[in-house]
Amino acid sequence: MKDSVIIVSGGMDSITMLYEFKDRIALGISFDYGSNHNAREIPFAEMHCKRLGIPHITIPLDFMPKYFKSSLLEGAEAIPEGNYDEENMKSTVVPFRNGIMLSIAAGIAESHQLKYVMMANHSGDHTIYPDCRPEFVEAFSHATKAGTFVGVEILAPYTNISKADIARHGKALGIDYSETWSCYKGGEKHCGKCGTCRERKEALKEAGIEDTTEYEE
């Protein structure tokens, strides 16, 4: 039963969710919000949806770089290097990004008479990103359910597991993670030094997956 739309970025987490729940996903939605890496990751989202026979759309959010403050929207040189747990990684927060995307996705879900919106946040996001935390997901799901005729709900099955756990799911599904994008700098290759690159390396290593990602170093 196709009852869901998924917000799919082209990164490890959402691509894993796409494959794991492919039988219930009616539509994949990507958002181009002007980040450094949108142009690198969205083609992977399109490719995987096409491979699975799932319709895909990309919605431009070109107002965000004009009015929102985040190093993610300011060019590669603005991206801090280091681990996610370091204070400077807070600069990569795009304020209420998930709230905006989920609102649009909920409207699209209702327009197609679909009951669920899927998002691929995980436990490693909780420290820095407020709109990835369990209390946010629960509250937002209450809001979309109350605010739509079909009672759209948010499904976030990875909320309380780690990125390494997600990678283990992907390993079981046979996903080739070289066909995903993580790096916030959005260069020709993954930089290997920013928080997302480090997190990617650690998750793949912990899951026992050979990392075939091309890194600058």
Protein backbone atom coordinates (compact mmCIF):
# COMPACT_ATOMS: atom_id res chain seq x y z
CA MET A 1 0.00 0.00 0.00
CA LYS A 2 1.57 3.28 -1.14
CA ASP A 3 0.70 5.61 1.73
CA SER A 4 3.75 7.86 2.17
CA VAL A 5 5.91 10.60 0.76
CA ILE A 6 9.55 10.75 1.78
CA ILE A 7 11.85 13.73 2.12
CA VAL A 8 14.93 12.38 0.35
CA SER A 9 18.11 14.44 0.24
CA GLY A 10 20.47 12.01 -1.47
CA GLY A 11 22.46 11.38 1.71
CA MET A 12 23.10 8.07 3.44
CA ASP A 13 20.16 8.24 5.83
CA SER A 14 17.33 9.15 3.48
CA ILE A 15 18.56 6.81 0.73
CA THR A 16 18.63 3.95 3.23
CA MET A 17 15.08 4.81 4.29
CA LEU A 18 14.02 5.03 0.65
CA TYR A 19 15.14 1.45 0.03
CA GLU A 20 13.95 0.07 3.34
CA PHE A 21 10.42 1.44 2.91
CA LYS A 22 10.20 1.47 -0.91
CA ASP A 23 7.01 -0.58 -1.00
CA ARG A 24 5.00 2.10 0.80
CA ILE A 25 6.56 5.24 -0.73
CA ALA A 26 4.45 6.93 -3.40
CA LEU A 27 6.63 10.01 -3.93
CA GLY A 28 10.14 11.23 -3.17
CA ILE A 29 10.59 14.94 -2.46
CA SER A 30 13.90 16.82 -2.46
CA PHE A 31 14.30 20.47 -1.53
CA ASP A 32 16.82 22.81 -3.14
CA TYR A 33 17.27 25.41 -0.43
CA GLY A 34 20.52 26.88 -1.72
CA SER A 35 22.98 24.91 0.38
CA ASN A 36 26.53 24.32 -0.80
CA HIS A 37 25.87 20.64 -1.40
CA ASN A 38 22.33 20.54 -2.83
CA ALA A 39 23.67 20.27 -6.38
CA ARG A 40 25.78 17.26 -5.39
CA GLU A 41 23.20 15.32 -3.37
CA ILE A 42 19.88 15.88 -5.20
CA PRO A 43 20.99 13.99 -8.36
CA PHE A 44 21.52 10.92 -6.16
CA ALA A 45 18.00 11.29 -4.77
CA GLU A 46 16.64 11.48 -8.31
CA MET A 47 18.72 8.50 -9.44
CA HIS A 48 17.66 6.19 -6.61
CA CYS A 49 13.98 7.10 -6.94
CA LYS A 50 14.16 6.41 -10.67
CA ARG A 51 15.90 3.10 -10.02
CA LEU A 52 13.09 2.06 -7.69
CA GLY A 53 10.32 3.36 -9.95
CA ILE A 54 9.27 5.98 -7.40
CA PRO A 55 8.20 9.40 -8.76
CA HIS A 56 10.48 12.23 -7.60
CA ILE A 57 10.17 16.00 -7.50
CA THR A 58 12.56 18.77 -6.44
CA ILE A 59 11.04 21.84 -4.87
CA PRO A 60 13.07 25.09 -4.85
CA LEU A 61 13.23 27.04 -1.60
CA ASP A 62 15.26 29.91 -3.01
CA PHE A 63 14.05 32.35 -0.37
CA MET A 64 16.08 30.62 2.34
CA PRO A 65 19.58 31.89 1.41
CA LYS A 66 18.15 35.41 1.26
CA TYR A 67 16.67 35.47 4.74
CA PHE A 68 18.18 32.63 6.77
CA LYS A 69 21.55 32.64 8.51
CA SER A 70 23.64 29.46 8.25
CA SER A 71 27.16 28.55 7.13
CA LEU A 72 25.48 25.89 4.99
CA LEU A 73 24.19 28.71 2.79
CA GLU A 74 27.35 30.82 2.63
CA GLY A 75 29.82 28.88 0.47
CA ALA A 76 32.26 26.04 1.10
CA GLU A 77 34.80 28.20 2.92
CA ALA A 78 32.23 28.95 5.64
CA ILE A 79 31.84 25.27 6.60
CA PRO A 80 33.71 24.45 9.82
CA GLU A 81 35.91 21.38 10.05
CA GLY A 82 35.71 19.00 12.98
CA ASN A 83 33.30 16.62 14.65
CA TYR A 84 29.57 17.17 15.06
CA ASP A 85 29.93 17.46 18.81
CA GLU A 86 32.09 20.56 18.51
CA GLU A 87 30.53 23.97 19.20
CA ASN A 88 31.38 25.42 15.80
CA MET A 89 29.21 22.85 14.00
CA LYS A 90 26.15 24.75 15.26
CA SER A 91 26.82 27.24 12.48
CA THR A 92 25.57 24.62 10.01
CA VAL A 93 22.04 24.74 11.43
CA VAL A 94 19.53 26.12 8.92
CA PRO A 95 16.86 27.50 11.28
CA PHE A 96 13.68 25.39 11.27
CA ARG A 97 14.64 23.76 7.96
CA ASN A 98 12.86 20.50 8.78
CA GLY A 99 9.77 22.36 9.94
CA ILE A 100 9.54 24.14 6.58
CA MET A 101 10.16 20.99 4.55
CA LEU A 102 7.74 18.89 6.58
CA SER A 103 5.02 21.53 6.21
CA ILE A 104 5.33 21.48 2.44
CA ALA A 105 5.56 17.68 2.33
CA ALA A 106 2.44 17.39 4.53
CA GLY A 107 0.53 19.60 2.09
CA ILE A 108 1.69 17.48 -0.83
CA ALA A 109 0.78 14.29 1.05
CA GLU A 110 -2.75 15.55 1.65
CA SER A 111 -3.05 16.67 -1.97
CA HIS A 112 -2.33 13.07 -3.00
CA GLN A 113 -4.48 11.55 -0.24
CA LEU A 114 -1.39 10.05 1.41
CA LYS A 115 -1.26 9.55 5.16
CA TYR A 116 2.43 9.82 6.05
CA VAL A 117 5.53 11.96 5.57
CA MET A 118 8.81 10.13 6.18
CA MET A 119 11.99 11.83 7.38
CA ALA A 120 15.41 10.32 8.07
CA ASN A 121 16.68 12.08 11.17
CA HIS A 122 18.73 9.99 13.62
CA SER A 123 20.04 10.13 17.18
CA GLY A 124 23.35 11.73 16.21
CA ASP A 125 21.45 14.81 15.02
CA HIS A 126 19.86 15.54 18.40
CA THR A 127 22.71 17.48 20.01
CA ILE A 128 22.93 20.22 17.40
CA TYR A 129 19.72 20.19 15.36
CA PRO A 130 16.57 21.03 17.37
CA ASP A 131 14.24 20.06 14.52
CA CYS A 132 15.61 16.51 14.49
CA ARG A 133 14.81 15.72 18.12
CA PRO A 134 12.09 13.27 19.21
CA GLU A 135 10.03 15.99 20.92
CA PHE A 136 10.00 18.03 17.70
CA VAL A 137 8.94 15.06 15.57
CA GLU A 138 6.16 14.16 17.99
CA ALA A 139 4.88 17.74 18.25
CA PHE A 140 5.02 18.32 14.51
CA SER A 141 3.20 15.08 13.82
CA HIS A 142 0.43 16.20 16.16
CA ALA A 143 0.24 19.48 14.25
CA THR A 144 0.06 17.91 10.77
CA LYS A 145 -2.50 15.36 11.95
CA ALA A 146 -4.67 18.11 13.42
CA GLY A 147 -4.21 20.43 10.46
CA THR A 148 -5.08 18.09 7.58
CA PHE A 149 -8.31 16.36 6.60
CA VAL A 150 -6.57 13.04 6.00
CA GLY A 151 -4.66 13.30 9.30
CA VAL A 152 -1.12 13.34 7.88
CA GLU A 153 1.44 12.00 10.36
CA ILE A 154 5.23 12.21 10.47
CA LEU A 155 7.09 8.90 10.38
CA ALA A 156 10.68 9.08 11.58
CA PRO A 157 11.72 5.48 12.28
CA TYR A 158 15.44 6.30 12.61
CA THR A 159 14.96 8.96 15.30
CA ASN A 160 16.46 6.91 18.12
CA ILE A 161 19.12 4.93 16.27
CA SER A 162 22.63 5.98 15.23
CA LYS A 163 24.05 6.64 11.78
CA ALA A 164 26.08 3.43 12.14
CA ASP A 165 22.83 1.56 12.79
CA ILE A 166 21.39 3.10 9.62
CA ALA A 167 24.50 1.99 7.73
CA ARG A 168 23.91 -1.54 9.04
CA HIS A 169 20.38 -1.40 7.63
CA GLY A 170 21.87 -0.29 4.32
CA LYS A 171 24.46 -3.05 4.38
CA ALA A 172 21.68 -5.63 4.75
CA LEU A 173 19.83 -3.97 1.86
CA GLY A 174 22.92 -4.02 -0.35
CA ILE A 175 23.15 -0.25 -0.75
CA ASP A 176 26.29 1.17 -2.37
CA TYR A 177 26.97 4.26 -0.27
CA SER A 178 29.37 5.67 -2.86
CA GLU A 179 26.11 6.56 -4.62
CA THR A 180 25.18 9.00 -1.85
CA TRP A 181 26.47 12.43 -0.84
CA SER A 182 27.30 13.80 2.63
CA CYS A 183 29.91 16.57 2.44
CA TYR A 184 28.63 20.01 3.38
CA LYS A 185 31.25 21.76 1.24
CA GLY A 186 29.78 20.39 -1.99
CA GLY A 187 33.03 20.11 -3.94
CA GLU A 188 33.94 17.62 -6.66
CA LYS A 189 34.88 15.11 -3.96
CA HIS A 190 33.99 14.75 -0.29
CA CYS A 191 36.38 16.94 1.69
CA GLY A 192 36.90 14.30 4.40
CA LYS A 193 37.24 16.93 7.13
CA CYS A 194 33.86 18.52 7.82
CA GLY A 195 31.48 17.11 10.43
CA THR A 196 29.35 15.18 7.95
CA CYS A 197 32.36 13.61 6.27
CA ARG A 198 33.79 12.51 9.62
CA GLU A 199 30.43 11.15 10.72
CA ARG A 200 30.12 9.29 7.40
CA LYS A 201 33.55 7.69 7.79
CA GLU A 202 32.85 6.63 11.38
CA ALA A 203 29.43 5.16 10.58
CA LEU A 204 30.70 3.10 7.66
CA LYS A 205 33.66 1.85 9.68
CA GLU A 206 31.48 0.91 12.65
CA ALA A 207 29.04 -0.92 10.35
CA GLY A 208 31.88 -2.88 8.78
CA ILE A 209 31.37 -1.39 5.32
CA GLU A 210 34.29 -0.68 3.02
CA ASP A 211 34.32 3.07 2.42
CA THR A 212 34.70 3.61 -1.32
CA THR A 213 33.87 7.33 -1.08
CA GLU A 214 36.32 9.57 -2.91
CA TYR A 215 37.76 12.03 -0.39
CA GLU A 216 40.07 14.95 -1.08
CA GLU A 217 42.31 13.56 1.64
